């Protein structure tokens, strides 16, 4: 979540209790604090590397399968990125845990 009046960037995964906060450190970089079972900052860095390797695409494709699976994809060939989105049922289950 980004609050326009604040420099900090806060991202959370309520389903597992993980979160991270990134704050400008005054030297042109960001100081990151994170907690929880997921390393959200590492996930962001890994996704950034993959996105750059795919040519920094601006357009994504969203596929809905008949079995309810949803996938996002971008790019083609070796640099293509694809990931499965949780179904609404899965999201509801996580929210109740």
N, C-alpha and C. Protein backbone atom coordinates (compact mmCIF):
# COMPACT_ATOMS: atom_id res chain seq x y z
N UNK A 1 0.84 -1.16 0.00
CA UNK A 1 0.00 0.00 0.00
C UNK A 1 0.90 1.23 0.00
N UNK A 2 0.56 2.19 -0.78
CA UNK A 2 1.36 3.43 -0.85
C UNK A 2 0.47 4.59 -0.45
N UNK A 3 0.85 5.32 0.56
CA UNK A 3 0.15 6.52 0.98
C UNK A 3 0.86 7.69 0.33
N UNK A 4 0.17 8.44 -0.51
CA UNK A 4 0.80 9.51 -1.28
C UNK A 4 1.46 10.59 -0.43
N UNK A 5 1.00 10.78 0.79
CA UNK A 5 1.57 11.82 1.63
C UNK A 5 2.76 11.36 2.45
N UNK A 6 3.18 10.10 2.28
CA UNK A 6 4.26 9.52 3.07
C UNK A 6 5.28 8.90 2.13
N UNK A 7 6.55 9.01 2.48
CA UNK A 7 7.61 8.44 1.64
C UNK A 7 7.74 6.93 1.79
N UNK A 8 7.32 6.38 2.94
CA UNK A 8 7.48 4.96 3.19
C UNK A 8 6.59 4.12 2.28
N UNK A 9 7.07 2.95 1.94
CA UNK A 9 6.30 1.96 1.19
C UNK A 9 6.09 0.77 2.12
N UNK A 10 4.83 0.40 2.35
CA UNK A 10 4.50 -0.71 3.24
C UNK A 10 3.78 -1.77 2.43
N UNK A 11 4.24 -3.02 2.51
CA UNK A 11 3.61 -4.14 1.83
C UNK A 11 3.40 -5.25 2.84
N UNK A 12 2.20 -5.82 2.87
CA UNK A 12 1.91 -6.88 3.82
C UNK A 12 1.21 -8.05 3.17
N UNK A 13 1.36 -9.19 3.78
CA UNK A 13 0.67 -10.42 3.39
C UNK A 13 -0.10 -10.89 4.61
N UNK A 14 -1.33 -10.38 4.81
CA UNK A 14 -2.07 -10.68 6.03
C UNK A 14 -2.32 -12.16 6.26
N UNK A 15 -2.39 -12.95 5.21
CA UNK A 15 -2.66 -14.37 5.36
C UNK A 15 -1.62 -15.10 6.18
N UNK A 16 -0.36 -14.63 6.11
CA UNK A 16 0.71 -15.30 6.87
C UNK A 16 1.36 -14.38 7.89
N UNK A 17 0.96 -13.11 7.91
CA UNK A 17 1.52 -12.18 8.88
C UNK A 17 2.84 -11.55 8.48
N UNK A 18 3.24 -11.72 7.23
CA UNK A 18 4.50 -11.12 6.77
C UNK A 18 4.27 -9.68 6.34
N UNK A 19 5.31 -8.86 6.49
CA UNK A 19 5.23 -7.47 6.07
C UNK A 19 6.63 -6.93 5.81
N UNK A 20 6.68 -5.80 5.13
CA UNK A 20 7.94 -5.10 4.93
C UNK A 20 7.65 -3.61 4.80
N UNK A 21 8.62 -2.81 5.22
CA UNK A 21 8.56 -1.36 5.08
C UNK A 21 9.85 -0.91 4.43
N UNK A 22 9.75 -0.09 3.40
CA UNK A 22 10.93 0.49 2.75
C UNK A 22 10.85 2.01 2.94
N UNK A 23 11.98 2.57 3.43
CA UNK A 23 12.04 4.01 3.70
C UNK A 23 13.27 4.59 2.98
N UNK A 24 13.12 5.77 2.36
CA UNK A 24 14.30 6.40 1.78
C UNK A 24 15.33 6.66 2.88
N UNK A 25 16.60 6.37 2.59
CA UNK A 25 17.63 6.52 3.63
C UNK A 25 18.41 7.82 3.52
N UNK A 26 18.03 8.68 2.59
CA UNK A 26 18.72 9.95 2.43
C UNK A 26 19.94 9.89 1.53
N UNK A 27 20.39 8.69 1.17
CA UNK A 27 21.56 8.51 0.30
C UNK A 27 21.16 8.04 -1.10
N UNK A 28 19.86 8.12 -1.39
CA UNK A 28 19.40 7.70 -2.71
C UNK A 28 19.01 6.24 -2.78
N UNK A 29 19.07 5.53 -1.68
CA UNK A 29 18.64 4.14 -1.64
C UNK A 29 17.55 3.99 -0.57
N UNK A 30 17.14 2.76 -0.32
CA UNK A 30 16.05 2.49 0.61
C UNK A 30 16.53 1.59 1.73
N UNK A 31 16.08 1.88 2.95
CA UNK A 31 16.31 1.00 4.09
C UNK A 31 15.07 0.13 4.23
N UNK A 32 15.26 -1.18 4.31
CA UNK A 32 14.13 -2.11 4.33
C UNK A 32 14.10 -2.85 5.66
N UNK A 33 12.91 -2.90 6.25
CA UNK A 33 12.67 -3.68 7.45
C UNK A 33 11.58 -4.69 7.10
N UNK A 34 11.78 -5.96 7.45
CA UNK A 34 10.80 -6.99 7.10
C UNK A 34 10.64 -7.96 8.26
N UNK A 35 9.48 -8.62 8.28
CA UNK A 35 9.22 -9.61 9.31
C UNK A 35 8.22 -10.62 8.77
N UNK A 36 8.25 -11.82 9.34
CA UNK A 36 7.28 -12.85 8.97
C UNK A 36 7.92 -14.00 8.23
N UNK A 37 7.13 -15.03 7.96
CA UNK A 37 7.68 -16.23 7.31
C UNK A 37 8.05 -16.02 5.84
N UNK A 38 7.41 -15.08 5.16
CA UNK A 38 7.77 -14.79 3.76
C UNK A 38 8.75 -13.64 3.72
N UNK A 39 9.74 -13.74 2.87
CA UNK A 39 10.66 -12.62 2.66
C UNK A 39 10.14 -11.82 1.48
N UNK A 40 9.21 -10.91 1.75
CA UNK A 40 8.55 -10.15 0.70
C UNK A 40 9.56 -9.35 -0.11
N UNK A 41 10.56 -8.77 0.55
CA UNK A 41 11.57 -7.98 -0.16
C UNK A 41 12.35 -8.85 -1.14
N UNK A 42 12.71 -10.06 -0.75
CA UNK A 42 13.41 -10.97 -1.66
C UNK A 42 12.51 -11.34 -2.84
N UNK A 43 11.22 -11.54 -2.58
CA UNK A 43 10.28 -11.85 -3.66
C UNK A 43 10.20 -10.70 -4.66
N UNK A 44 10.19 -9.47 -4.15
CA UNK A 44 10.15 -8.29 -5.04
C UNK A 44 11.42 -8.21 -5.87
N UNK A 45 12.58 -8.41 -5.22
CA UNK A 45 13.86 -8.35 -5.96
C UNK A 45 13.91 -9.44 -7.04
N UNK A 46 13.47 -10.65 -6.70
CA UNK A 46 13.48 -11.75 -7.67
C UNK A 46 12.56 -11.43 -8.85
N UNK A 47 11.39 -10.90 -8.57
CA UNK A 47 10.45 -10.54 -9.64
C UNK A 47 11.02 -9.43 -10.51
N UNK A 48 11.72 -8.47 -9.90
CA UNK A 48 12.34 -7.39 -10.65
C UNK A 48 13.40 -7.92 -11.61
N UNK A 49 14.22 -8.84 -11.14
CA UNK A 49 15.25 -9.44 -11.99
C UNK A 49 14.60 -10.15 -13.18
N UNK A 50 13.55 -10.93 -12.90
CA UNK A 50 12.86 -11.65 -13.97
C UNK A 50 12.19 -10.68 -14.95
N UNK A 51 11.59 -9.60 -14.43
CA UNK A 51 10.92 -8.60 -15.27
C UNK A 51 11.94 -7.92 -16.19
N UNK A 52 13.10 -7.57 -15.65
CA UNK A 52 14.14 -6.95 -16.47
C UNK A 52 14.65 -7.92 -17.52
N UNK A 53 14.81 -9.20 -17.15
CA UNK A 53 15.27 -10.22 -18.11
C UNK A 53 14.24 -10.42 -19.22
N UNK A 54 12.98 -10.14 -18.94
CA UNK A 54 11.93 -10.27 -19.96
C UNK A 54 11.82 -9.01 -20.82
N UNK A 55 12.72 -8.03 -20.61
CA UNK A 55 12.73 -6.83 -21.44
C UNK A 55 11.88 -5.70 -20.87
N UNK A 56 11.57 -5.73 -19.58
CA UNK A 56 10.76 -4.72 -18.90
C UNK A 56 9.43 -4.47 -19.63
N UNK A 57 8.66 -5.54 -19.84
CA UNK A 57 7.40 -5.41 -20.60
C UNK A 57 6.38 -4.52 -19.92
N UNK A 58 5.59 -3.85 -20.73
CA UNK A 58 4.56 -2.94 -20.22
C UNK A 58 3.16 -3.55 -20.29
N UNK A 59 3.00 -4.66 -21.02
CA UNK A 59 1.69 -5.26 -21.22
C UNK A 59 1.70 -6.69 -20.68
N UNK A 60 0.66 -7.04 -19.93
CA UNK A 60 0.52 -8.37 -19.35
C UNK A 60 -0.73 -9.03 -19.88
N UNK A 61 -0.75 -10.34 -19.84
CA UNK A 61 -1.91 -11.11 -20.29
C UNK A 61 -2.47 -11.86 -19.09
N UNK A 62 -3.79 -11.84 -18.94
CA UNK A 62 -4.45 -12.55 -17.87
C UNK A 62 -5.33 -13.62 -18.50
N UNK A 63 -5.07 -14.90 -18.13
CA UNK A 63 -5.84 -16.03 -18.67
C UNK A 63 -6.72 -16.62 -17.59
N UNK A 64 -7.98 -16.90 -17.95
CA UNK A 64 -8.93 -17.56 -17.06
C UNK A 64 -9.24 -18.92 -17.66
N UNK A 65 -8.91 -19.99 -16.96
CA UNK A 65 -9.16 -21.34 -17.44
C UNK A 65 -10.53 -21.82 -16.98
N UNK A 66 -11.09 -22.81 -17.68
CA UNK A 66 -12.42 -23.34 -17.34
C UNK A 66 -12.46 -23.98 -15.95
N UNK A 67 -11.31 -24.44 -15.45
CA UNK A 67 -11.27 -25.05 -14.12
C UNK A 67 -11.10 -24.02 -13.01
N UNK A 68 -11.12 -22.73 -13.36
CA UNK A 68 -11.00 -21.67 -12.37
C UNK A 68 -9.60 -21.14 -12.19
N UNK A 69 -8.60 -21.79 -12.77
CA UNK A 69 -7.23 -21.31 -12.64
C UNK A 69 -7.07 -19.99 -13.39
N UNK A 70 -6.31 -19.08 -12.79
CA UNK A 70 -6.01 -17.79 -13.40
C UNK A 70 -4.50 -17.65 -13.47
N UNK A 71 -3.99 -17.22 -14.63
CA UNK A 71 -2.55 -17.04 -14.81
C UNK A 71 -2.27 -15.68 -15.43
N UNK A 72 -1.16 -15.10 -15.02
CA UNK A 72 -0.67 -13.87 -15.62
C UNK A 72 0.59 -14.24 -16.38
N UNK A 73 0.73 -13.71 -17.57
CA UNK A 73 1.95 -13.97 -18.34
C UNK A 73 2.35 -12.71 -19.09
N UNK A 74 3.64 -12.65 -19.40
CA UNK A 74 4.20 -11.52 -20.12
C UNK A 74 5.46 -11.99 -20.83
N UNK A 75 5.71 -11.45 -21.99
CA UNK A 75 6.91 -11.80 -22.74
C UNK A 75 6.77 -13.12 -23.46
N UNK A 76 7.83 -13.46 -24.20
CA UNK A 76 7.85 -14.70 -24.95
C UNK A 76 9.23 -15.35 -24.83
N UNK A 77 9.27 -16.62 -25.12
CA UNK A 77 10.54 -17.33 -25.15
C UNK A 77 11.16 -17.52 -23.78
N UNK A 78 12.49 -17.54 -23.75
CA UNK A 78 13.23 -17.84 -22.52
C UNK A 78 13.01 -16.81 -21.42
N UNK A 79 12.73 -15.57 -21.80
CA UNK A 79 12.55 -14.52 -20.79
C UNK A 79 11.12 -14.36 -20.32
N UNK A 80 10.20 -15.19 -20.81
CA UNK A 80 8.79 -15.04 -20.46
C UNK A 80 8.56 -15.24 -18.96
N UNK A 81 7.62 -14.50 -18.44
CA UNK A 81 7.22 -14.61 -17.04
C UNK A 81 5.80 -15.15 -16.99
N UNK A 82 5.55 -16.08 -16.10
CA UNK A 82 4.20 -16.62 -15.91
C UNK A 82 4.04 -16.96 -14.44
N UNK A 83 2.89 -16.63 -13.89
CA UNK A 83 2.60 -17.07 -12.54
C UNK A 83 1.10 -17.28 -12.38
N UNK A 84 0.77 -18.20 -11.48
CA UNK A 84 -0.61 -18.58 -11.20
C UNK A 84 -1.14 -17.70 -10.09
N UNK A 85 -2.35 -17.20 -10.26
CA UNK A 85 -2.99 -16.40 -9.22
C UNK A 85 -3.85 -17.31 -8.35
N UNK A 86 -3.99 -16.98 -7.08
CA UNK A 86 -4.87 -17.80 -6.23
C UNK A 86 -6.32 -17.63 -6.66
N UNK A 87 -7.07 -18.70 -6.59
CA UNK A 87 -8.50 -18.60 -6.92
C UNK A 87 -9.21 -17.85 -5.82
N UNK A 88 -10.35 -17.24 -6.10
CA UNK A 88 -11.08 -16.53 -5.04
C UNK A 88 -11.35 -17.43 -3.83
N UNK A 89 -11.59 -18.73 -4.06
CA UNK A 89 -11.84 -19.67 -2.96
C UNK A 89 -10.61 -19.74 -2.05
N UNK A 90 -9.42 -19.81 -2.65
CA UNK A 90 -8.18 -19.88 -1.89
C UNK A 90 -7.97 -18.60 -1.08
N UNK A 91 -8.25 -17.45 -1.68
CA UNK A 91 -8.09 -16.18 -1.00
C UNK A 91 -9.03 -16.11 0.21
N UNK A 92 -10.27 -16.56 0.05
CA UNK A 92 -11.24 -16.55 1.15
C UNK A 92 -10.76 -17.45 2.28
N UNK A 93 -10.24 -18.63 1.95
CA UNK A 93 -9.74 -19.54 2.97
C UNK A 93 -8.59 -18.92 3.75
N UNK A 94 -7.66 -18.25 3.04
CA UNK A 94 -6.51 -17.63 3.71
C UNK A 94 -6.96 -16.52 4.63
N UNK A 95 -7.98 -15.76 4.24
CA UNK A 95 -8.44 -14.63 5.04
C UNK A 95 -9.06 -15.09 6.35
N UNK A 96 -9.59 -16.31 6.38
CA UNK A 96 -10.23 -16.80 7.59
C UNK A 96 -9.25 -17.47 8.54
N UNK A 97 -8.03 -17.69 8.10
CA UNK A 97 -7.03 -18.37 8.95
C UNK A 97 -6.34 -17.40 9.88
